[in-house]
Amino acid sequence: MRCISIGAALLAGLLSGDVVGAASSNQMTEKQIAPSVDVELVIAVDVSYSMDLDELAVQREGYAQAIVSKVFLQALRAGPNSKISLTYFEWSASSDQKIIVPWRVIDGPETADAVASDI
């Protein structure tokens, strides 16, 4: 039996179009400035105070592993542009938010590794 992380499956679903909810840019000026990507993915992670540091670390590690997983990278290559734009932030309240990874383009293993390292 082969196991993959839930995060990797979700990201692969987003890239393949099986999951609804990805953002797309509708403004002409943004499209002219920003590179063409298959998905603009916002990862908003709840880090409420009910979680301890070990739980937070496991959660971050799961997202980092998903981004560099074979399943994710295969889905990335299958897209028409073979790249996505991603941002990752953590929040626990409307007044307590922290951007961990500002908008970045992932277009292969190297950029995926860099984003995973930042997470």
N, C-alpha and C. Protein backbone atom coordinates (compact mmCIF):
# COMPACT_ATOMS: atom_id res chain seq x y z
N MET A 1 0.84 -1.18 0.00
CA MET A 1 0.00 0.00 0.00
C MET A 1 0.89 1.24 0.00
N ARG A 2 0.58 2.20 -0.85
CA ARG A 2 1.37 3.42 -0.98
C ARG A 2 0.67 4.55 -0.25
N CYS A 3 1.40 5.30 0.54
CA CYS A 3 0.82 6.41 1.30
C CYS A 3 1.38 7.73 0.79
N ILE A 4 0.51 8.74 0.72
CA ILE A 4 0.95 10.10 0.43
C ILE A 4 0.29 11.01 1.44
N SER A 5 0.87 12.15 1.62
CA SER A 5 0.30 13.07 2.60
C SER A 5 -0.97 13.69 2.05
N ILE A 6 -1.85 14.10 2.94
CA ILE A 6 -3.09 14.76 2.55
C ILE A 6 -2.76 16.06 1.82
N GLY A 7 -1.75 16.78 2.30
CA GLY A 7 -1.35 18.03 1.66
C GLY A 7 -0.92 17.83 0.22
N ALA A 8 -0.14 16.78 -0.03
CA ALA A 8 0.31 16.50 -1.40
C ALA A 8 -0.87 16.17 -2.29
N ALA A 9 -1.81 15.39 -1.78
CA ALA A 9 -2.99 15.04 -2.57
C ALA A 9 -3.83 16.28 -2.87
N LEU A 10 -3.99 17.15 -1.89
CA LEU A 10 -4.76 18.37 -2.08
C LEU A 10 -4.10 19.28 -3.12
N LEU A 11 -2.79 19.47 -2.99
CA LEU A 11 -2.08 20.32 -3.95
C LEU A 11 -2.13 19.72 -5.35
N ALA A 12 -1.99 18.41 -5.45
CA ALA A 12 -2.08 17.76 -6.76
C ALA A 12 -3.47 17.93 -7.35
N GLY A 13 -4.49 17.84 -6.51
CA GLY A 13 -5.87 18.05 -6.97
C GLY A 13 -6.10 19.46 -7.46
N LEU A 14 -5.53 20.42 -6.77
CA LEU A 14 -5.65 21.80 -7.21
C LEU A 14 -5.02 22.00 -8.58
N LEU A 15 -3.84 21.43 -8.76
CA LEU A 15 -3.14 21.58 -10.03
C LEU A 15 -3.85 20.88 -11.17
N SER A 16 -4.52 19.76 -10.87
CA SER A 16 -5.19 19.02 -11.93
C SER A 16 -6.58 19.56 -12.20
N GLY A 17 -7.04 20.49 -11.36
CA GLY A 17 -8.37 21.08 -11.57
C GLY A 17 -9.48 20.32 -10.87
N ASP A 18 -9.15 19.32 -10.06
CA ASP A 18 -10.17 18.53 -9.38
C ASP A 18 -10.72 19.20 -8.13
N VAL A 19 -10.03 20.22 -7.63
CA VAL A 19 -10.44 20.90 -6.42
C VAL A 19 -10.77 22.34 -6.78
N VAL A 20 -11.92 22.82 -6.33
CA VAL A 20 -12.34 24.19 -6.62
C VAL A 20 -11.81 25.11 -5.53
N GLY A 21 -11.50 26.34 -5.88
CA GLY A 21 -11.12 27.30 -4.87
C GLY A 21 -9.81 28.01 -5.15
N ALA A 22 -9.15 27.69 -6.23
CA ALA A 22 -7.91 28.39 -6.55
C ALA A 22 -8.25 29.77 -7.09
N ALA A 23 -7.42 30.73 -6.73
CA ALA A 23 -7.65 32.10 -7.18
C ALA A 23 -7.08 32.29 -8.57
N SER A 24 -7.69 33.17 -9.33
CA SER A 24 -7.12 33.51 -10.63
C SER A 24 -7.15 35.01 -10.80
N SER A 25 -6.18 35.53 -11.51
CA SER A 25 -6.06 36.97 -11.70
C SER A 25 -6.93 37.40 -12.86
N ASN A 26 -7.80 38.41 -12.63
CA ASN A 26 -8.68 38.90 -13.68
C ASN A 26 -8.28 40.26 -14.19
N GLN A 27 -7.34 40.91 -13.57
CA GLN A 27 -6.97 42.26 -13.99
C GLN A 27 -5.86 42.18 -15.01
N MET A 28 -6.05 42.93 -16.10
CA MET A 28 -5.09 42.90 -17.20
C MET A 28 -3.70 43.34 -16.74
N THR A 29 -3.61 44.37 -15.91
CA THR A 29 -2.30 44.85 -15.50
C THR A 29 -1.56 43.81 -14.67
N GLU A 30 -2.26 43.07 -13.83
CA GLU A 30 -1.62 42.02 -13.05
C GLU A 30 -1.10 40.91 -13.95
N LYS A 31 -1.86 40.54 -14.97
CA LYS A 31 -1.43 39.48 -15.89
C LYS A 31 -0.22 39.93 -16.70
N GLN A 32 -0.15 41.20 -17.01
CA GLN A 32 0.99 41.69 -17.77
C GLN A 32 2.25 41.69 -16.92
N ILE A 33 2.12 41.95 -15.63
CA ILE A 33 3.27 42.03 -14.73
C ILE A 33 3.65 40.64 -14.22
N ALA A 34 2.67 39.87 -13.75
CA ALA A 34 2.93 38.57 -13.13
C ALA A 34 3.14 37.49 -14.20
N PRO A 35 3.98 36.51 -13.91
CA PRO A 35 4.15 35.41 -14.86
C PRO A 35 2.87 34.59 -14.95
N SER A 36 2.65 33.94 -16.09
CA SER A 36 1.50 33.06 -16.25
C SER A 36 1.72 31.81 -15.41
N VAL A 37 0.76 31.52 -14.56
CA VAL A 37 0.84 30.34 -13.71
C VAL A 37 -0.46 29.55 -13.86
N ASP A 38 -0.41 28.29 -13.47
CA ASP A 38 -1.59 27.45 -13.55
C ASP A 38 -2.52 27.66 -12.36
N VAL A 39 -1.95 27.98 -11.21
CA VAL A 39 -2.72 28.15 -9.98
C VAL A 39 -2.06 29.22 -9.13
N GLU A 40 -2.87 30.07 -8.51
CA GLU A 40 -2.39 30.98 -7.47
C GLU A 40 -2.92 30.41 -6.16
N LEU A 41 -2.04 29.82 -5.38
CA LEU A 41 -2.43 29.06 -4.19
C LEU A 41 -2.11 29.82 -2.91
N VAL A 42 -3.13 30.04 -2.10
CA VAL A 42 -2.97 30.66 -0.78
C VAL A 42 -3.09 29.55 0.26
N ILE A 43 -2.04 29.35 1.03
CA ILE A 43 -2.09 28.38 2.13
C ILE A 43 -2.19 29.19 3.42
N ALA A 44 -3.38 29.20 3.98
CA ALA A 44 -3.66 29.93 5.22
C ALA A 44 -3.77 28.90 6.34
N VAL A 45 -2.83 28.92 7.26
CA VAL A 45 -2.71 27.88 8.27
C VAL A 45 -3.10 28.41 9.65
N ASP A 46 -4.03 27.72 10.27
CA ASP A 46 -4.46 28.08 11.62
C ASP A 46 -3.41 27.60 12.62
N VAL A 47 -2.86 28.53 13.38
CA VAL A 47 -1.88 28.19 14.41
C VAL A 47 -2.40 28.70 15.76
N SER A 48 -3.65 28.40 16.04
CA SER A 48 -4.27 28.91 17.25
C SER A 48 -3.50 28.49 18.49
N TYR A 49 -3.76 29.20 19.55
CA TYR A 49 -3.02 28.99 20.79
C TYR A 49 -3.34 27.67 21.48
N SER A 50 -4.33 26.94 20.96
CA SER A 50 -4.62 25.62 21.53
C SER A 50 -3.61 24.56 21.06
N MET A 51 -2.77 24.94 20.09
CA MET A 51 -1.76 24.01 19.58
C MET A 51 -0.43 24.23 20.29
N ASP A 52 0.27 23.13 20.59
CA ASP A 52 1.59 23.30 21.19
C ASP A 52 2.65 23.37 20.10
N LEU A 53 3.89 23.64 20.48
CA LEU A 53 4.97 23.83 19.51
C LEU A 53 5.24 22.57 18.68
N ASP A 54 5.10 21.40 19.28
CA ASP A 54 5.31 20.16 18.53
C ASP A 54 4.25 19.99 17.45
N GLU A 55 3.00 20.29 17.77
CA GLU A 55 1.92 20.20 16.79
C GLU A 55 2.14 21.19 15.64
N LEU A 56 2.58 22.40 15.97
CA LEU A 56 2.87 23.39 14.93
C LEU A 56 3.99 22.92 14.01
N ALA A 57 5.02 22.32 14.59
CA ALA A 57 6.15 21.82 13.79
C ALA A 57 5.70 20.69 12.85
N VAL A 58 4.88 19.79 13.34
CA VAL A 58 4.38 18.69 12.51
C VAL A 58 3.54 19.25 11.36
N GLN A 59 2.73 20.25 11.65
CA GLN A 59 1.89 20.86 10.62
C GLN A 59 2.75 21.52 9.53
N ARG A 60 3.72 22.30 9.94
CA ARG A 60 4.62 22.94 8.97
C ARG A 60 5.36 21.90 8.14
N GLU A 61 5.88 20.88 8.79
CA GLU A 61 6.63 19.84 8.10
C GLU A 61 5.75 19.14 7.06
N GLY A 62 4.49 18.95 7.38
CA GLY A 62 3.58 18.32 6.41
C GLY A 62 3.41 19.15 5.15
N TYR A 63 3.25 20.45 5.31
CA TYR A 63 3.14 21.33 4.14
C TYR A 63 4.45 21.35 3.35
N ALA A 64 5.56 21.43 4.05
CA ALA A 64 6.86 21.45 3.38
C ALA A 64 7.08 20.15 2.59
N GLN A 65 6.75 19.02 3.18
CA GLN A 65 6.91 17.73 2.48
C GLN A 65 5.98 17.64 1.28
N ALA A 66 4.77 18.17 1.41
CA ALA A 66 3.82 18.12 0.30
C ALA A 66 4.35 18.88 -0.91
N ILE A 67 4.96 20.02 -0.68
CA ILE A 67 5.44 20.87 -1.77
C ILE A 67 6.59 20.23 -2.55
N VAL A 68 7.37 19.40 -1.91
CA VAL A 68 8.49 18.75 -2.60
C VAL A 68 8.19 17.30 -2.96
N SER A 69 6.97 16.87 -2.72
CA SER A 69 6.63 15.47 -2.98
C SER A 69 6.60 15.16 -4.48
N LYS A 70 6.83 13.91 -4.80
CA LYS A 70 6.80 13.45 -6.18
C LYS A 70 5.43 13.71 -6.81
N VAL A 71 4.36 13.47 -6.06
CA VAL A 71 3.00 13.68 -6.57
C VAL A 71 2.79 15.15 -6.94
N PHE A 72 3.21 16.05 -6.07
CA PHE A 72 3.06 17.49 -6.34
C PHE A 72 3.88 17.90 -7.56
N LEU A 73 5.12 17.48 -7.63
CA LEU A 73 5.98 17.87 -8.76
C LEU A 73 5.49 17.29 -10.08
N GLN A 74 4.92 16.09 -10.07
CA GLN A 74 4.33 15.52 -11.29
C GLN A 74 3.12 16.35 -11.72
N ALA A 75 2.28 16.74 -10.78
CA ALA A 75 1.11 17.57 -11.10
C ALA A 75 1.55 18.93 -11.62
N LEU A 76 2.60 19.48 -11.04
CA LEU A 76 3.14 20.76 -11.49
C LEU A 76 3.56 20.68 -12.96
N ARG A 77 4.30 19.64 -13.31
CA ARG A 77 4.76 19.46 -14.69
C ARG A 77 3.60 19.24 -15.67
N ALA A 78 2.48 18.71 -15.17
CA ALA A 78 1.34 18.40 -16.04
C ALA A 78 0.53 19.63 -16.41
N GLY A 79 0.70 20.72 -15.69
CA GLY A 79 -0.06 21.94 -15.98
C GLY A 79 0.40 22.59 -17.27
N PRO A 80 -0.46 23.39 -17.91
CA PRO A 80 -0.09 24.02 -19.18
C PRO A 80 1.13 24.94 -19.07
N ASN A 81 1.31 25.60 -17.94
CA ASN A 81 2.45 26.49 -17.74
C ASN A 81 3.54 25.87 -16.88
N SER A 82 3.25 24.73 -16.27
CA SER A 82 4.18 24.01 -15.40
C SER A 82 4.71 24.88 -14.27
N LYS A 83 3.86 25.76 -13.74
CA LYS A 83 4.27 26.55 -12.58
C LYS A 83 3.04 27.10 -11.86
N ILE A 84 3.24 27.30 -10.56
CA ILE A 84 2.19 27.90 -9.75
C ILE A 84 2.79 29.07 -8.98
N SER A 85 1.93 29.90 -8.45
CA SER A 85 2.34 30.95 -7.53
C SER A 85 1.74 30.59 -6.18
N LEU A 86 2.53 30.74 -5.12
CA LEU A 86 2.10 30.29 -3.80
C LEU A 86 2.48 31.30 -2.74
N THR A 87 1.61 31.47 -1.76
CA THR A 87 1.94 32.19 -0.54
C THR A 87 1.47 31.35 0.63
N TYR A 88 2.21 31.44 1.74
CA TYR A 88 1.90 30.65 2.94
C TYR A 88 1.91 31.60 4.12
N PHE A 89 0.79 31.65 4.84
CA PHE A 89 0.79 32.46 6.05
C PHE A 89 0.09 31.72 7.18
N GLU A 90 0.45 32.12 8.39
CA GLU A 90 -0.13 31.52 9.59
C GLU A 90 -0.92 32.59 10.33
N TRP A 91 -2.01 32.14 10.95
CA TRP A 91 -2.86 33.08 11.67
C TRP A 91 -3.50 32.37 12.85
N SER A 92 -3.83 33.16 13.86
CA SER A 92 -4.58 32.62 14.99
C SER A 92 -5.74 33.53 15.35
N ALA A 93 -5.72 34.76 14.85
CA ALA A 93 -6.81 35.73 15.07
C ALA A 93 -6.69 36.80 14.00
N SER A 94 -7.71 37.61 13.85
CA SER A 94 -7.67 38.65 12.82
C SER A 94 -6.52 39.63 13.05
N SER A 95 -6.09 39.75 14.29
CA SER A 95 -4.99 40.67 14.60
C SER A 95 -3.65 39.95 14.78
N ASP A 96 -3.61 38.65 14.55
CA ASP A 96 -2.40 37.86 14.74
C ASP A 96 -2.15 37.01 13.50
N GLN A 97 -1.42 37.58 12.54
CA GLN A 97 -1.11 36.91 11.28
C GLN A 97 0.35 37.13 10.94
N LYS A 98 0.95 36.12 10.31
CA LYS A 98 2.36 36.24 9.93
C LYS A 98 2.57 35.57 8.57
N ILE A 99 3.07 36.34 7.61
CA ILE A 99 3.40 35.77 6.30
C ILE A 99 4.74 35.05 6.44
N ILE A 100 4.71 33.76 6.16
CA ILE A 100 5.92 32.95 6.23
C ILE A 100 6.60 32.91 4.87
N VAL A 101 5.82 32.73 3.81
CA VAL A 101 6.34 32.72 2.45
C VAL A 101 5.52 33.73 1.64
N PRO A 102 6.11 34.87 1.28
CA PRO A 102 5.39 35.81 0.41
C PRO A 102 5.21 35.17 -0.97
N TRP A 103 4.40 35.76 -1.82
CA TRP A 103 4.14 35.18 -3.14
C TRP A 103 5.43 34.77 -3.83
N ARG A 104 5.48 33.49 -4.23
CA ARG A 104 6.63 32.94 -4.94
C ARG A 104 6.13 32.04 -6.05
N VAL A 105 6.89 31.94 -7.11
CA VAL A 105 6.57 31.03 -8.20
C VAL A 105 7.33 29.73 -7.98
N ILE A 106 6.62 28.62 -8.10
CA ILE A 106 7.23 27.29 -8.05
C ILE A 106 7.14 26.72 -9.46
N ASP A 107 8.30 26.42 -10.04
CA ASP A 107 8.33 25.91 -11.41
C ASP A 107 9.20 24.66 -11.56
N GLY A 108 9.54 24.06 -10.45
CA GLY A 108 10.33 22.83 -10.50
C GLY A 108 10.87 22.47 -9.14
N PRO A 109 11.68 21.42 -9.08
CA PRO A 109 12.19 20.94 -7.79
C PRO A 109 13.01 21.97 -7.01
N GLU A 110 13.80 22.77 -7.70
CA GLU A 110 14.65 23.74 -7.00
C GLU A 110 13.82 24.81 -6.28
N THR A 111 12.84 25.37 -6.98
CA THR A 111 12.01 26.40 -6.34
C THR A 111 11.09 25.78 -5.29
N ALA A 112 10.65 24.54 -5.51
CA ALA A 112 9.86 23.84 -4.50
C ALA A 112 10.68 23.62 -3.24
N ASP A 113 11.94 23.22 -3.40
CA ASP A 113 12.83 23.03 -2.24
C ASP A 113 13.02 24.33 -1.48
N ALA A 114 13.18 25.43 -2.21
CA ALA A 114 13.40 26.74 -1.56
C ALA A 114 12.16 27.14 -0.75
N VAL A 115 10.98 26.94 -1.30
CA VAL A 115 9.75 27.28 -0.57
C VAL A 115 9.60 26.36 0.64
N ALA A 116 9.84 25.09 0.46
CA ALA A 116 9.74 24.13 1.58
C ALA A 116 10.71 24.51 2.69
N SER A 117 11.90 24.95 2.33
CA SER A 117 12.89 25.37 3.35
C SER A 117 12.39 26.59 4.12
N ASP A 118 11.74 27.51 3.43
CA ASP A 118 11.22 28.70 4.09
C ASP A 118 10.08 28.37 5.05
N ILE A 119 9.30 27.35 4.70
CA ILE A 119 8.21 26.93 5.59
C ILE A 119 8.81 26.30 6.83
